[in-house]
Amino acid sequence: MEGAIELMLTYVESGTDFTRQFGDINAAYYNSLESVMNEMVQLFRKEGGELYPRVRKRIRHLETHADHIGWDYGDYLREQVGFLENELGGGSP
């Protein structure tokens, strides 16, 4: 499971970086990133709570890194990171 979470997080990070570098893409692109983010959040919530502290900084960075990206992508990431923080964050960063 740790490898799956790492792969998913890297995918979302790379997709977000790509958009920041080259500009907004299209809805299908963001739907794909959101789908992987959703899957990752579900893994954390079901089985990976103990892994969250190891990648917490990277996930929190996604929240701010995706700010102002179109197609409501930034809002979606902020919401998902909020869920993780509320359930698994356990205090200060």
Protein backbone atom coordinates (compact mmCIF):
# COMPACT_ATOMS: atom_id res chain seq x y z
CA MET A 1 0.00 0.00 0.00
CA GLU A 2 2.85 2.41 0.73
CA GLY A 3 4.08 2.06 -2.85
CA ALA A 4 0.60 2.72 -4.23
CA ILE A 5 0.25 5.87 -2.14
CA GLU A 6 3.69 7.06 -3.25
CA LEU A 7 2.81 6.47 -6.90
CA MET A 8 -0.53 8.27 -6.58
CA LEU A 9 1.00 11.22 -4.77
CA THR A 10 3.76 11.52 -7.36
CA TYR A 11 1.15 11.45 -10.16
CA VAL A 12 -0.88 14.26 -8.59
CA GLU A 13 2.24 16.29 -7.80
CA SER A 14 3.54 15.91 -11.36
CA GLY A 15 0.19 16.80 -12.89
CA THR A 16 -0.08 19.88 -10.70
CA ASP A 17 3.49 20.94 -11.53
CA PHE A 18 2.80 20.45 -15.24
CA THR A 19 -0.21 22.74 -15.07
CA ARG A 20 1.69 25.39 -13.15
CA GLN A 21 4.43 25.29 -15.76
CA PHE A 22 2.35 25.13 -18.94
CA GLY A 23 -1.05 26.57 -17.96
CA ASP A 24 -4.56 25.17 -17.65
CA ILE A 25 -5.35 22.08 -19.67
CA ASN A 26 -8.92 20.69 -19.83
CA ALA A 27 -11.57 19.13 -17.63
CA ALA A 28 -10.61 15.54 -18.46
CA TYR A 29 -7.05 16.18 -17.32
CA TYR A 30 -8.18 17.52 -13.95
CA ASN A 31 -10.79 14.78 -13.59
CA SER A 32 -7.99 12.25 -13.89
CA LEU A 33 -5.89 13.99 -11.23
CA GLU A 34 -8.91 14.32 -8.95
CA SER A 35 -9.77 10.64 -9.40
CA VAL A 36 -6.28 9.59 -8.31
CA MET A 37 -6.35 12.04 -5.40
CA ASN A 38 -9.70 10.62 -4.30
CA GLU A 39 -8.34 7.07 -4.46
CA MET A 40 -5.31 8.08 -2.42
CA VAL A 41 -7.47 9.80 0.22
CA GLN A 42 -9.60 6.67 0.50
CA LEU A 43 -6.49 4.52 0.98
CA PHE A 44 -5.27 6.80 3.74
CA ARG A 45 -8.64 6.77 5.44
CA LYS A 46 -9.09 3.00 5.27
CA GLU A 47 -5.61 1.58 5.76
CA GLY A 48 -2.88 4.17 5.59
CA GLY A 49 -3.36 6.48 8.53
CA GLU A 50 0.06 5.60 9.91
CA LEU A 51 1.67 6.58 6.57
CA TYR A 52 0.14 10.05 6.47
CA PRO A 53 2.73 11.74 8.73
CA ARG A 54 5.49 10.64 6.34
CA VAL A 55 3.98 12.45 3.36
CA ARG A 56 1.99 15.12 5.14
CA LYS A 57 4.31 17.96 4.10
CA ARG A 58 4.05 16.98 0.42
CA ILE A 59 0.27 16.74 0.58
CA ARG A 60 -0.07 20.08 2.33
CA HIS A 61 2.21 21.60 -0.31
CA LEU A 62 -0.20 20.36 -3.00
CA GLU A 63 -2.98 22.35 -1.41
CA THR A 64 -1.15 25.64 -1.83
CA HIS A 65 0.62 24.68 -5.07
CA ALA A 66 -2.73 24.05 -6.80
CA ASP A 67 -4.23 27.36 -5.72
CA HIS A 68 -5.69 29.32 -8.64
CA ILE A 69 -5.65 26.37 -11.05
CA GLY A 70 -8.83 26.31 -13.11
CA TRP A 71 -11.66 23.82 -13.45
CA ASP A 72 -12.13 23.92 -9.63
CA TYR A 73 -9.04 21.74 -9.26
CA GLY A 74 -7.45 23.91 -6.58
CA ASP A 75 -10.69 23.93 -4.61
CA TYR A 76 -10.94 20.15 -4.88
CA LEU A 77 -7.41 19.63 -3.58
CA ARG A 78 -7.97 22.05 -0.73
CA GLU A 79 -11.09 20.10 0.25
CA GLN A 80 -9.34 16.71 0.11
CA VAL A 81 -6.32 17.92 2.07
CA GLY A 82 -8.75 19.34 4.64
CA PHE A 83 -10.37 15.92 5.04
CA LEU A 84 -6.99 14.29 5.57
CA GLU A 85 -5.86 16.94 8.02
CA ASN A 86 -9.07 16.69 10.04
CA GLU A 87 -8.92 12.91 10.22
CA LEU A 88 -5.20 12.16 10.25
CA GLY A 89 -3.27 15.40 10.73
CA GLY A 90 -3.22 15.28 14.46
CA GLY A 91 -1.99 18.75 15.26
CA SER A 92 0.67 21.09 13.98
CA PRO A 93 2.48 20.55 10.66
